[in-house]
Amino acid sequence: MTQARIFITGGAGFIGRWIAKQCLNRSYDVAVYDNFCAGTPENIAEFASDIDVFEDDILDRAAVQQAMSTFQPTHVFHMAAHHFIPFCNENPDETLRVNVEGTNIVLDVAAQHGVTTAVVASSGAIYPSVDDLISEDLPHEPVDVYGLSKLLTENVCEHVARTTDLQVVAARLFNTYGAYETNPHLIPHIIESLHAGPVVPLGNIHTKRDYIYAEDVAELLIAAAMADLTDRKNGYAVTNVGTGVEYSAEDIIDILRELTGIDITIRQRANRKRSVDKLHQRADTTRLLALTGIRAQHRLEEGLSKLLTHEKLPVIA
């Protein structure tokens, strides 16, 4: 079997750096393509000497062409995107351009270079809020421009898979957390607040989300990339990437109180509440297990404990 050569857009970002690290652990050859807008050289400093790094933008087709021509990847992980929802809402045109046009460029170039499989980061944000487990067959109903951009991204994925020899997996990521986060989502915001003291300003503390540890996401995406898609229609697969369990911000604070021994106080702030929000988001992982053969390994308590240790915050439990 040909040695896997892994090309990761956004590879210096949050999930991308974990994919890079775990691919290196498997002795794959790895290239990171990143404009360092959100990701940082520090995120990949641990293994920078073991990978190829291309510093450029996914909207620059010539640069993507040159990088893939130089590296000759067998597999592509397309993680580069705008995904911090407040930024996306404030910059809808740029969000659609980067997330949709950028995906089209990356996949088109990958197909031209004979890449076997591309795994593309989509999102549970394409779904409506429902009380039950969310299956991939649930009708799409994005509530913001980020969710819309990911729905359009999937349309690009399906088109490329149908019209070329490139196999594509659209991975609908639920709320990923862990070390090296690059945007101030809920858990990194809480961690940053705890560095300053026991008071954590929050918006809505009762909406629930499916939180999955970043290292588990990387393992699952790598397994999806290596899966046999020959029996899939047009070589295209769509899968949720989550745990099937949901927690509210209030639940997370309760867990952190137990783990740290800190008497954390929540201060609700109106300016932190989203104008549009979902009450529930919990992934059905049946298809994920069938595709990859594995499940997420970390319970939220375990993942948060690792994150606290990385952040040099106390862990007593």
C-alpha atoms as a PDB file:
ATOM      1  CA  MET A   1       0.000   0.000   0.000  1.00  0.00           C
ATOM      2  CA  THR A   2       1.243   3.502  -0.878  1.00  0.00           C
ATOM      3  CA  GLN A   3       2.410   5.511   2.105  1.00  0.00           C
ATOM      4  CA  ALA A   4      -0.318   7.997   3.074  1.00  0.00           C
ATOM      5  CA  ARG A   5       0.586  11.613   2.363  1.00  0.00           C
ATOM      6  CA  ILE A   6      -1.698  13.940   4.307  1.00  0.00           C
ATOM      7  CA  PHE A   7      -2.404  17.539   3.244  1.00  0.00           C
ATOM      8  CA  ILE A   8      -4.249  19.607   5.880  1.00  0.00           C
ATOM      9  CA  THR A   9      -5.710  23.018   5.138  1.00  0.00           C
ATOM     10  CA  GLY A  10      -5.988  24.992   8.348  1.00  0.00           C
ATOM     11  CA  GLY A  11      -3.414  22.560   9.722  1.00  0.00           C
ATOM     12  CA  ALA A  12      -2.063  25.094  12.212  1.00  0.00           C
ATOM     13  CA  GLY A  13      -5.545  25.623  13.613  1.00  0.00           C
ATOM     14  CA  PHE A  14      -7.389  23.857  16.383  1.00  0.00           C
ATOM     15  CA  ILE A  15      -8.523  20.543  14.892  1.00  0.00           C
ATOM     16  CA  GLY A  16      -5.990  20.645  12.066  1.00  0.00           C
ATOM     17  CA  ARG A  17      -2.995  20.524  14.401  1.00  0.00           C
ATOM     18  CA  TRP A  18      -4.419  17.452  16.154  1.00  0.00           C
ATOM     19  CA  ILE A  19      -4.937  15.728  12.808  1.00  0.00           C
ATOM     20  CA  ALA A  20      -1.335  16.548  11.901  1.00  0.00           C
ATOM     21  CA  LYS A  21      -0.006  15.209  15.200  1.00  0.00           C
ATOM     22  CA  GLN A  22      -1.964  11.973  15.034  1.00  0.00           C
ATOM     23  CA  CYS A  23      -1.049  11.390  11.395  1.00  0.00           C
ATOM     24  CA  LEU A  24       2.620  11.768  12.353  1.00  0.00           C
ATOM     25  CA  ASN A  25       2.038   9.227  15.132  1.00  0.00           C
ATOM     26  CA  ARG A  26       0.935   6.845  12.362  1.00  0.00           C
ATOM     27  CA  SER A  27       4.144   7.614  10.397  1.00  0.00           C
ATOM     28  CA  TYR A  28       2.225   9.350   7.596  1.00  0.00           C
ATOM     29  CA  ASP A  29       3.867  12.162   5.642  1.00  0.00           C
ATOM     30  CA  VAL A  30       2.173  15.451   6.550  1.00  0.00           C
ATOM     31  CA  ALA A  31       1.841  18.892   4.982  1.00  0.00           C
ATOM     32  CA  VAL A  32       0.105  21.855   6.599  1.00  0.00           C
ATOM     33  CA  TYR A  33      -1.403  24.608   4.447  1.00  0.00           C
ATOM     34  CA  ASP A  34      -2.386  27.656   6.499  1.00  0.00           C
ATOM     35  CA  ASN A  35      -2.466  31.435   6.169  1.00  0.00           C
ATOM     36  CA  PHE A  36      -2.009  31.761   9.959  1.00  0.00           C
ATOM     37  CA  CYS A  37      -5.092  33.976  10.208  1.00  0.00           C
ATOM     38  CA  ALA A  38      -6.522  31.909  13.069  1.00  0.00           C
ATOM     39  CA  GLY A  39      -3.963  29.130  13.468  1.00  0.00           C
ATOM     40  CA  THR A  40      -0.481  29.951  14.715  1.00  0.00           C
ATOM     41  CA  PRO A  41       3.059  28.633  14.192  1.00  0.00           C
ATOM     42  CA  GLU A  42       3.109  27.910  17.938  1.00  0.00           C
ATOM     43  CA  ASN A  43       0.317  25.357  17.502  1.00  0.00           C
ATOM     44  CA  ILE A  44       2.548  23.197  15.305  1.00  0.00           C
ATOM     45  CA  ALA A  45       5.924  24.063  16.872  1.00  0.00           C
ATOM     46  CA  GLU A  46       6.027  20.673  18.621  1.00  0.00           C
ATOM     47  CA  PHE A  47       6.399  18.852  15.298  1.00  0.00           C
ATOM     48  CA  ALA A  48       7.163  21.608  12.745  1.00  0.00           C
ATOM     49  CA  SER A  49      10.483  20.014  11.775  1.00  0.00           C
ATOM     50  CA  ASP A  50       8.669  16.813  10.787  1.00  0.00           C
ATOM     51  CA  ILE A  51       6.139  18.339   8.358  1.00  0.00           C
ATOM     52  CA  ASP A  52       6.007  20.481   5.236  1.00  0.00           C
ATOM     53  CA  VAL A  53       4.441  23.899   5.806  1.00  0.00           C
ATOM     54  CA  PHE A  54       2.861  26.021   3.085  1.00  0.00           C
ATOM     55  CA  GLU A  55       1.863  29.510   4.234  1.00  0.00           C
ATOM     56  CA  ASP A  56      -0.863  30.750   1.927  1.00  0.00           C
ATOM     57  CA  ASP A  57      -4.598  31.270   1.447  1.00  0.00           C
ATOM     58  CA  ILE A  58      -7.141  28.718   0.226  1.00  0.00           C
ATOM     59  CA  LEU A  59      -8.684  31.380  -2.019  1.00  0.00           C
ATOM     60  CA  ASP A  60      -5.407  31.565  -3.971  1.00  0.00           C
ATOM     61  CA  ARG A  61      -5.935  28.755  -6.482  1.00  0.00           C
ATOM     62  CA  ALA A  62      -2.408  29.047  -7.896  1.00  0.00           C
ATOM     63  CA  ALA A  63      -0.909  28.704  -4.419  1.00  0.00           C
ATOM     64  CA  VAL A  64      -3.066  25.647  -3.635  1.00  0.00           C
ATOM     65  CA  GLN A  65      -2.060  24.165  -7.011  1.00  0.00           C
ATOM     66  CA  GLN A  66       1.624  24.754  -6.310  1.00  0.00           C
ATOM     67  CA  ALA A  67       1.453  23.280  -2.813  1.00  0.00           C
ATOM     68  CA  MET A  68      -0.342  20.098  -3.902  1.00  0.00           C
ATOM     69  CA  SER A  69       1.908  19.732  -6.936  1.00  0.00           C
ATOM     70  CA  THR A  70       4.937  19.944  -4.661  1.00  0.00           C
ATOM     71  CA  PHE A  71       3.648  17.621  -1.924  1.00  0.00           C
ATOM     72  CA  GLN A  72       1.547  15.177  -3.998  1.00  0.00           C
ATOM     73  CA  PRO A  73      -0.955  14.208  -1.270  1.00  0.00           C
ATOM     74  CA  THR A  74      -2.986  11.013  -1.182  1.00  0.00           C
ATOM     75  CA  HIS A  75      -5.514  12.409   1.317  1.00  0.00           C
ATOM     76  CA  VAL A  76      -6.740  15.929   2.075  1.00  0.00           C
ATOM     77  CA  PHE A  77      -8.301  17.231   5.282  1.00  0.00           C
ATOM     78  CA  HIS A  78     -10.001  20.540   4.552  1.00  0.00           C
ATOM     79  CA  MET A  79     -10.342  22.258   7.920  1.00  0.00           C
ATOM     80  CA  ALA A  80      -9.694  25.879   6.877  1.00  0.00           C
ATOM     81  CA  ALA A  81     -12.804  28.020   7.362  1.00  0.00           C
ATOM     82  CA  HIS A  82     -14.330  30.886   9.279  1.00  0.00           C
ATOM     83  CA  HIS A  83     -16.275  29.213  12.080  1.00  0.00           C
ATOM     84  CA  PHE A  84     -16.558  31.684  14.969  1.00  0.00           C
ATOM     85  CA  ILE A  85     -20.238  32.565  14.657  1.00  0.00           C
ATOM     86  CA  PRO A  86     -20.076  36.215  15.863  1.00  0.00           C
ATOM     87  CA  PHE A  87     -17.349  36.887  13.243  1.00  0.00           C
ATOM     88  CA  CYS A  88     -19.368  35.091  10.569  1.00  0.00           C
ATOM     89  CA  ASN A  89     -22.497  37.096  11.364  1.00  0.00           C
ATOM     90  CA  GLU A  90     -20.536  40.344  11.126  1.00  0.00           C
ATOM     91  CA  ASN A  91     -18.743  39.294   7.920  1.00  0.00           C
ATOM     92  CA  PRO A  92     -21.225  37.246   5.875  1.00  0.00           C
ATOM     93  CA  ASP A  93     -19.680  37.896   2.462  1.00  0.00           C
ATOM     94  CA  GLU A  94     -16.201  36.882   3.579  1.00  0.00           C
ATOM     95  CA  THR A  95     -17.602  33.854   5.403  1.00  0.00           C
ATOM     96  CA  LEU A  96     -19.348  32.568   2.280  1.00  0.00           C
ATOM     97  CA  ARG A  97     -16.337  33.292   0.105  1.00  0.00           C
ATOM     98  CA  VAL A  98     -13.840  31.500   2.340  1.00  0.00           C
ATOM     99  CA  ASN A  99     -16.053  28.615   3.412  1.00  0.00           C
ATOM    100  CA  VAL A 100     -17.722  27.862   0.077  1.00  0.00           C
ATOM    101  CA  GLU A 101     -15.443  29.159  -2.675  1.00  0.00           C
ATOM    102  CA  GLY A 102     -12.390  28.044  -0.685  1.00  0.00           C
ATOM    103  CA  THR A 103     -13.784  24.517  -0.427  1.00  0.00           C
ATOM    104  CA  ASN A 104     -14.445  24.413  -4.162  1.00  0.00           C
ATOM    105  CA  ILE A 105     -10.865  25.454  -4.920  1.00  0.00           C
ATOM    106  CA  VAL A 106      -9.306  22.933  -2.538  1.00  0.00           C
ATOM    107  CA  LEU A 107     -11.425  20.004  -3.727  1.00  0.00           C
ATOM    108  CA  ASP A 108     -11.098  20.881  -7.413  1.00  0.00           C
ATOM    109  CA  VAL A 109      -7.311  21.022  -7.126  1.00  0.00           C
ATOM    110  CA  ALA A 110      -7.260  17.819  -5.069  1.00  0.00           C
ATOM    111  CA  ALA A 111      -9.243  16.029  -7.777  1.00  0.00           C
ATOM    112  CA  GLN A 112      -6.847  17.281 -10.444  1.00  0.00           C
ATOM    113  CA  HIS A 113      -3.896  15.886  -8.470  1.00  0.00           C
ATOM    114  CA  GLY A 114      -5.374  12.412  -8.061  1.00  0.00           C
ATOM    115  CA  VAL A 115      -6.072  12.646  -4.324  1.00  0.00           C
ATOM    116  CA  THR A 116      -7.895   9.527  -3.119  1.00  0.00           C
ATOM    117  CA  THR A 117     -10.133  10.981  -0.390  1.00  0.00           C
ATOM    118  CA  ALA A 118     -10.896  14.396   1.058  1.00  0.00           C
ATOM    119  CA  VAL A 119     -12.483  14.910   4.467  1.00  0.00           C
ATOM    120  CA  VAL A 120     -14.198  18.280   4.711  1.00  0.00           C
ATOM    121  CA  ALA A 121     -15.293  19.968   7.932  1.00  0.00           C
ATOM    122  CA  SER A 122     -19.019  20.635   7.875  1.00  0.00           C
ATOM    123  CA  SER A 123     -21.078  21.351  10.983  1.00  0.00           C
ATOM    124  CA  GLY A 124     -24.060  20.430  13.090  1.00  0.00           C
ATOM    125  CA  ALA A 125     -25.005  24.094  12.585  1.00  0.00           C
ATOM    126  CA  ILE A 126     -26.900  23.053   9.449  1.00  0.00           C
ATOM    127  CA  TYR A 127     -29.544  21.349  11.627  1.00  0.00           C
ATOM    128  CA  PRO A 128     -32.584  22.815  13.386  1.00  0.00           C
ATOM    129  CA  SER A 129     -33.039  22.511  17.144  1.00  0.00           C
ATOM    130  CA  VAL A 130     -34.743  19.240  18.082  1.00  0.00           C
ATOM    131  CA  ASP A 131     -35.120  17.477  21.421  1.00  0.00           C
ATOM    132  CA  ASP A 132     -34.140  14.040  20.085  1.00  0.00           C
ATOM    133  CA  LEU A 133     -30.925  12.685  18.582  1.00  0.00           C
ATOM    134  CA  ILE A 134     -30.079  14.405  15.309  1.00  0.00           C
ATOM    135  CA  SER A 135     -29.632  12.010  12.408  1.00  0.00           C
ATOM    136  CA  GLU A 136     -27.993  12.931   9.117  1.00  0.00           C
ATOM    137  CA  ASP A 137     -31.393  12.601   7.428  1.00  0.00           C
ATOM    138  CA  LEU A 138     -32.923  15.471   9.420  1.00  0.00           C
ATOM    139  CA  PRO A 139     -33.962  18.316   7.071  1.00  0.00           C
ATOM    140  CA  HIS A 140     -31.461  21.160   6.999  1.00  0.00           C
ATOM    141  CA  GLU A 141     -32.402  24.434   8.656  1.00  0.00           C
ATOM    142  CA  PRO A 142     -29.390  26.658   9.381  1.00  0.00           C
ATOM    143  CA  VAL A 143     -30.177  29.666  11.550  1.00  0.00           C
ATOM    144  CA  ASP A 144     -27.120  31.784  10.692  1.00  0.00           C
ATOM    145  CA  VAL A 145     -24.683  32.488   7.863  1.00  0.00           C
ATOM    146  CA  TYR A 146     -22.148  30.019   9.260  1.00  0.00           C
ATOM    147  CA  GLY A 147     -24.659  27.166   9.061  1.00  0.00           C
ATOM    148  CA  LEU A 148     -25.641  28.326   5.577  1.00  0.00           C
ATOM    149  CA  SER A 149     -22.000  28.365   4.485  1.00  0.00           C
ATOM    150  CA  LYS A 150     -21.555  24.776   5.670  1.00  0.00           C
ATOM    151  CA  LEU A 151     -24.704  23.616   3.910  1.00  0.00           C
ATOM    152  CA  LEU A 152     -23.389  25.152   0.684  1.00  0.00           C
ATOM    153  CA  THR A 153     -20.005  23.575   1.409  1.00  0.00           C
ATOM    154  CA  GLU A 154     -21.681  20.173   1.437  1.00  0.00           C
ATOM    155  CA  ASN A 155     -23.273  20.933  -1.930  1.00  0.00           C
ATOM    156  CA  VAL A 156     -19.776  21.560  -3.278  1.00  0.00           C
ATOM    157  CA  CYS A 157     -18.539  18.300  -1.726  1.00  0.00           C
ATOM    158  CA  GLU A 158     -21.319  16.255  -3.288  1.00  0.00           C
ATOM    159  CA  HIS A 159     -20.811  17.879  -6.689  1.00  0.00           C
ATOM    160  CA  VAL A 160     -17.073  17.206  -6.721  1.00  0.00           C
ATOM    161  CA  ALA A 161     -17.550  13.597  -5.599  1.00  0.00           C
ATOM    162  CA  ARG A 162     -20.181  13.058  -8.303  1.00  0.00           C
ATOM    163  CA  THR A 163     -18.217  14.626 -11.141  1.00  0.00           C
ATOM    164  CA  THR A 164     -14.643  13.498 -10.378  1.00  0.00           C
ATOM    165  CA  ASP A 165     -12.792  10.465  -9.015  1.00  0.00           C
ATOM    166  CA  LEU A 166     -12.215  12.169  -5.666  1.00  0.00           C
ATOM    167  CA  GLN A 167     -14.017  10.496  -2.747  1.00  0.00           C
ATOM    168  CA  VAL A 168     -15.353  13.011  -0.239  1.00  0.00           C
ATOM    169  CA  VAL A 169     -16.510  12.746   3.371  1.00  0.00           C
ATOM    170  CA  ALA A 170     -18.501  15.688   4.739  1.00  0.00           C
ATOM    171  CA  ALA A 171     -17.992  15.549   8.505  1.00  0.00           C
ATOM    172  CA  ARG A 172     -20.677  17.412  10.431  1.00  0.00           C
ATOM    173  CA  LEU A 173     -18.690  18.423  13.496  1.00  0.00           C
ATOM    174  CA  PHE A 174     -20.505  19.139  16.720  1.00  0.00           C
ATOM    175  CA  ASN A 175     -18.970  21.299  19.470  1.00  0.00           C
ATOM    176  CA  THR A 176     -15.285  20.442  19.598  1.00  0.00           C
ATOM    177  CA  TYR A 177     -13.190  21.445  22.606  1.00  0.00           C
ATOM    178  CA  GLY A 178      -9.642  20.907  23.836  1.00  0.00           C
ATOM    179  CA  ALA A 179      -6.159  22.415  23.828  1.00  0.00           C
ATOM    180  CA  TYR A 180      -5.050  24.814  21.072  1.00  0.00           C
ATOM    181  CA  GLU A 181      -8.524  26.251  20.438  1.00  0.00           C
ATOM    182  CA  THR A 182      -8.226  29.314  18.191  1.00  0.00           C
ATOM    183  CA  ASN A 183     -11.594  31.014  18.776  1.00  0.00           C
ATOM    184  CA  PRO A 184     -13.288  32.151  22.002  1.00  0.00           C
ATOM    185  CA  HIS A 185     -16.124  29.628  21.988  1.00  0.00           C
ATOM    186  CA  LEU A 186     -17.871  28.710  25.239  1.00  0.00           C
ATOM    187  CA  ILE A 187     -15.308  26.396  26.869  1.00  0.00           C
ATOM    188  CA  PRO A 188     -12.209  28.461  25.984  1.00  0.00           C
ATOM    189  CA  HIS A 189     -14.054  31.548  27.226  1.00  0.00           C
ATOM    190  CA  ILE A 190     -14.736  29.816  30.546  1.00  0.00           C
ATOM    191  CA  ILE A 191     -11.104  28.704  30.816  1.00  0.00           C
ATOM    192  CA  GLU A 192      -9.840  32.218  30.052  1.00  0.00           C
ATOM    193  CA  SER A 193     -12.170  33.616  32.709  1.00  0.00           C
ATOM    194  CA  LEU A 194     -10.894  31.114  35.297  1.00  0.00           C
ATOM    195  CA  HIS A 195      -7.338  32.319  34.711  1.00  0.00           C
ATOM    196  CA  ALA A 196      -8.537  35.735  35.923  1.00  0.00           C
ATOM    197  CA  GLY A 197     -10.693  34.540  38.814  1.00  0.00           C
ATOM    198  CA  PRO A 198     -13.748  32.534  39.882  1.00  0.00           C
ATOM    199  CA  VAL A 199     -16.366  34.737  38.153  1.00  0.00           C
ATOM    200  CA  VAL A 200     -17.412  33.642  34.651  1.00  0.00           C
ATOM    201  CA  PRO A 201     -19.605  35.953  32.511  1.00  0.00           C
ATOM    202  CA  LEU A 202     -22.000  33.939  30.340  1.00  0.00           C
ATOM    203  CA  GLY A 203     -25.028  34.428  28.141  1.00  0.00           C
ATOM    204  CA  ASN A 204     -27.670  31.716  27.928  1.00  0.00           C
ATOM    205  CA  ILE A 205     -26.647  28.976  30.369  1.00  0.00           C
ATOM    206  CA  HIS A 206     -29.407  26.476  29.588  1.00  0.00           C
ATOM    207  CA  THR A 207     -28.993  25.741  25.865  1.00  0.00           C
ATOM    208  CA  LYS A 208     -27.405  22.315  25.386  1.00  0.00           C
ATOM    209  CA  ARG A 209     -24.710  21.145  22.974  1.00  0.00           C
ATOM    210  CA  ASP A 210     -22.890  17.920  22.102  1.00  0.00           C
ATOM    211  CA  TYR A 211     -19.252  18.456  23.153  1.00  0.00           C
ATOM    212  CA  ILE A 212     -16.546  16.232  21.659  1.00  0.00           C
ATOM    213  CA  TYR A 213     -12.855  16.245  22.589  1.00  0.00           C
ATOM    214  CA  ALA A 214     -10.491  17.464  19.848  1.00  0.00           C
ATOM    215  CA  GLU A 215      -8.211  14.415  19.929  1.00  0.00           C
ATOM    216  CA  ASP A 216     -11.258  12.178  19.457  1.00  0.00           C
ATOM    217  CA  VAL A 217     -12.346  14.295  16.492  1.00  0.00           C
ATOM    218  CA  ALA A 218      -8.921  13.866  14.895  1.00  0.00           C
ATOM    219  CA  GLU A 219      -9.011  10.092  15.387  1.00  0.00           C
ATOM    220  CA  LEU A 220     -12.497   9.865  13.903  1.00  0.00           C
ATOM    221  CA  LEU A 221     -11.682  12.046  10.899  1.00  0.00           C
ATOM    222  CA  ILE A 222      -8.547  10.038  10.115  1.00  0.00           C
ATOM    223  CA  ALA A 223     -10.564   6.829  10.321  1.00  0.00           C
ATOM    224  CA  ALA A 224     -13.156   8.360   7.976  1.00  0.00           C
ATOM    225  CA  ALA A 225     -10.436   9.328   5.502  1.00  0.00           C
ATOM    226  CA  MET A 226      -9.150   5.747   5.400  1.00  0.00           C
ATOM    227  CA  ALA A 227     -12.621   4.174   5.107  1.00  0.00           C
ATOM    228  CA  ASP A 228     -13.644   2.373   1.935  1.00  0.00           C
ATOM    229  CA  LEU A 229     -16.225   4.515   0.132  1.00  0.00           C
ATOM    230  CA  THR A 230     -16.438   2.459  -3.044  1.00  0.00           C
ATOM    231  CA  ASP A 231     -19.936   1.248  -2.163  1.00  0.00           C
ATOM    232  CA  ARG A 232     -21.158   4.781  -1.415  1.00  0.00           C
ATOM    233  CA  LYS A 233     -23.184   6.626  -4.015  1.00  0.00           C
ATOM    234  CA  ASN A 234     -20.760   8.726  -6.064  1.00  0.00           C
ATOM    235  CA  GLY A 235     -18.018   8.063  -3.492  1.00  0.00           C
ATOM    236  CA  TYR A 236     -19.637  10.546  -1.121  1.00  0.00           C
ATOM    237  CA  ALA A 237     -20.394  10.117   2.573  1.00  0.00           C
ATOM    238  CA  VAL A 238     -21.960  12.422   5.158  1.00  0.00           C
ATOM    239  CA  THR A 239     -21.557  11.753   8.865  1.00  0.00           C
ATOM    240  CA  ASN A 240     -22.116  13.436  12.196  1.00  0.00           C
ATOM    241  CA  VAL A 241     -19.060  13.711  14.435  1.00  0.00           C
ATOM    242  CA  GLY A 242     -20.203  13.932  18.034  1.00  0.00           C
ATOM    243  CA  THR A 243     -20.860  11.880  21.163  1.00  0.00           C
ATOM    244  CA  GLY A 244     -24.653  11.654  21.405  1.00  0.00           C
ATOM    245  CA  VAL A 245     -24.618  13.404  24.801  1.00  0.00           C
ATOM    246  CA  GLU A 246     -25.460  17.073  25.391  1.00  0.00           C
ATOM    247  CA  TYR A 247     -24.536  19.517  28.153  1.00  0.00           C
ATOM    248  CA  SER A 248     -25.511  23.087  29.012  1.00  0.00           C
ATOM    249  CA  ALA A 249     -23.092  25.819  30.045  1.00  0.00           C
ATOM    250  CA  GLU A 250     -24.453  25.400  33.575  1.00  0.00           C
ATOM    251  CA  ASP A 251     -23.597  21.665  33.428  1.00  0.00           C
ATOM    252  CA  ILE A 252     -20.042  22.482  32.307  1.00  0.00           C
ATOM    253  CA  ILE A 253     -19.575  24.927  35.175  1.00  0.00           C
ATOM    254  CA  ASP A 254     -20.785  22.258  37.627  1.00  0.00           C
ATOM    255  CA  ILE A 255     -18.229  19.781  36.256  1.00  0.00           C
ATOM    256  CA  LEU A 256     -15.447  22.380  36.447  1.00  0.00           C
ATOM    257  CA  ARG A 257     -16.342  23.169  40.063  1.00  0.00           C
ATOM    258  CA  GLU A 258     -15.855  19.497  40.936  1.00  0.00           C
ATOM    259  CA  LEU A 259     -12.654  19.113  38.913  1.00  0.00           C
ATOM    260  CA  THR A 260     -10.951  22.273  40.183  1.00  0.00           C
ATOM    261  CA  GLY A 261     -12.384  22.827  43.631  1.00  0.00           C
ATOM    262  CA  ILE A 262     -12.997  26.452  42.613  1.00  0.00           C
ATOM    263  CA  ASP A 263     -16.277  27.987  43.765  1.00  0.00           C
ATOM    264  CA  ILE A 264     -17.121  29.320  40.303  1.00  0.00           C
ATOM    265  CA  THR A 265     -19.764  32.042  40.080  1.00  0.00           C
ATOM    266  CA  ILE A 266     -21.787  32.598  36.906  1.00  0.00           C
ATOM    267  CA  ARG A 267     -22.633  36.182  35.938  1.00  0.00           C
ATOM    268  CA  GLN A 268     -25.159  36.259  33.116  1.00  0.00           C
ATOM    269  CA  ARG A 269     -24.620  39.103  30.660  1.00  0.00           C
ATOM    270  CA  ALA A 270     -27.176  40.222  28.087  1.00  0.00           C
ATOM    271  CA  ASN A 271     -24.448  41.139  25.596  1.00  0.00           C
ATOM    272  CA  ARG A 272     -23.257  37.518  25.543  1.00  0.00           C
ATOM    273  CA  LYS A 273     -26.654  36.132  24.524  1.00  0.00           C
ATOM    274  CA  ARG A 274     -27.135  35.302  20.857  1.00  0.00           C
ATOM    275  CA  SER A 275     -30.164  36.790  19.132  1.00  0.00           C
ATOM    276  CA  VAL A 276     -30.814  33.359  17.576  1.00  0.00           C
ATOM    277  CA  ASP A 277     -29.899  30.188  19.448  1.00  0.00           C
ATOM    278  CA  LYS A 278     -30.861  26.516  19.540  1.00  0.00           C
ATOM    279  CA  LEU A 279     -32.101  24.810  22.695  1.00  0.00           C
ATOM    280  CA  HIS A 280     -30.666  21.380  21.853  1.00  0.00           C
ATOM    281  CA  GLN A 281     -28.017  19.775  19.652  1.00  0.00           C
ATOM    282  CA  ARG A 282     -27.165  16.094  20.118  1.00  0.00           C
ATOM    283  CA  ALA A 283     -25.659  13.913  17.400  1.00  0.00           C
ATOM    284  CA  ASP A 284     -26.858  10.495  16.354  1.00  0.00           C
ATOM    285  CA  THR A 285     -23.522   8.685  15.896  1.00  0.00           C
ATOM    286  CA  THR A 286     -24.846   5.476  14.334  1.00  0.00           C
ATOM    287  CA  ARG A 287     -23.518   6.357  10.887  1.00  0.00           C
ATOM    288  CA  LEU A 288     -20.201   7.542  12.327  1.00  0.00           C
ATOM    289  CA  LEU A 289     -19.611   4.177  13.981  1.00  0.00           C
ATOM    290  CA  ALA A 290     -20.529   2.314  10.792  1.00  0.00           C
ATOM    291  CA  LEU A 291     -18.126   4.446   8.746  1.00  0.00           C
ATOM    292  CA  THR A 292     -15.137   4.502  11.114  1.00  0.00           C
ATOM    293  CA  GLY A 293     -15.602   1.501  13.406  1.00  0.00           C
ATOM    294  CA  ILE A 294     -14.767   3.627  16.452  1.00  0.00           C
ATOM    295  CA  ARG A 295     -16.402   6.027  18.905  1.00  0.00           C
ATOM    296  CA  ALA A 296     -15.240   9.095  20.807  1.00  0.00           C
ATOM    297  CA  GLN A 297     -13.246   7.898  23.816  1.00  0.00           C
ATOM    298  CA  HIS A 298     -13.320  10.867  26.212  1.00  0.00           C
ATOM    299  CA  ARG A 299     -16.208  11.684  28.490  1.00  0.00           C
ATOM    300  CA  LEU A 300     -16.604  15.433  29.042  1.00  0.00           C
ATOM    301  CA  GLU A 301     -15.077  15.168  32.534  1.00  0.00           C
ATOM    302  CA  GLU A 302     -11.969  13.479  31.103  1.00  0.00           C
ATOM    303  CA  GLY A 303     -11.534  15.940  28.272  1.00  0.00           C
ATOM    304  CA  LEU A 304     -11.997  18.939  30.560  1.00  0.00           C
ATOM    305  CA  SER A 305      -9.477  17.500  33.014  1.00  0.00           C
ATOM    306  CA  LYS A 306      -6.882  17.244  30.214  1.00  0.00           C
ATOM    307  CA  LEU A 307      -7.669  20.778  29.084  1.00  0.00           C
ATOM    308  CA  LEU A 308      -7.304  22.152  32.612  1.00  0.00           C
ATOM    309  CA  THR A 309      -3.929  20.454  32.926  1.00  0.00           C
ATOM    310  CA  HIS A 310      -2.796  21.913  29.596  1.00  0.00           C
ATOM    311  CA  GLU A 311      -3.955  25.344  30.772  1.00  0.00           C
ATOM    312  CA  LYS A 312      -2.124  24.916  34.115  1.00  0.00           C
ATOM    313  CA  LEU A 313      -5.315  25.262  36.120  1.00  0.00           C
ATOM    314  CA  PRO A 314      -5.873  23.113  39.231  1.00  0.00           C
ATOM    315  CA  VAL A 315      -7.303  19.612  38.933  1.00  0.00           C
ATOM    316  CA  ILE A 316      -8.216  17.996  42.251  1.00  0.00           C
ATOM    317  CA  ALA A 317     -10.776  15.429  41.084  1.00  0.00           C
END
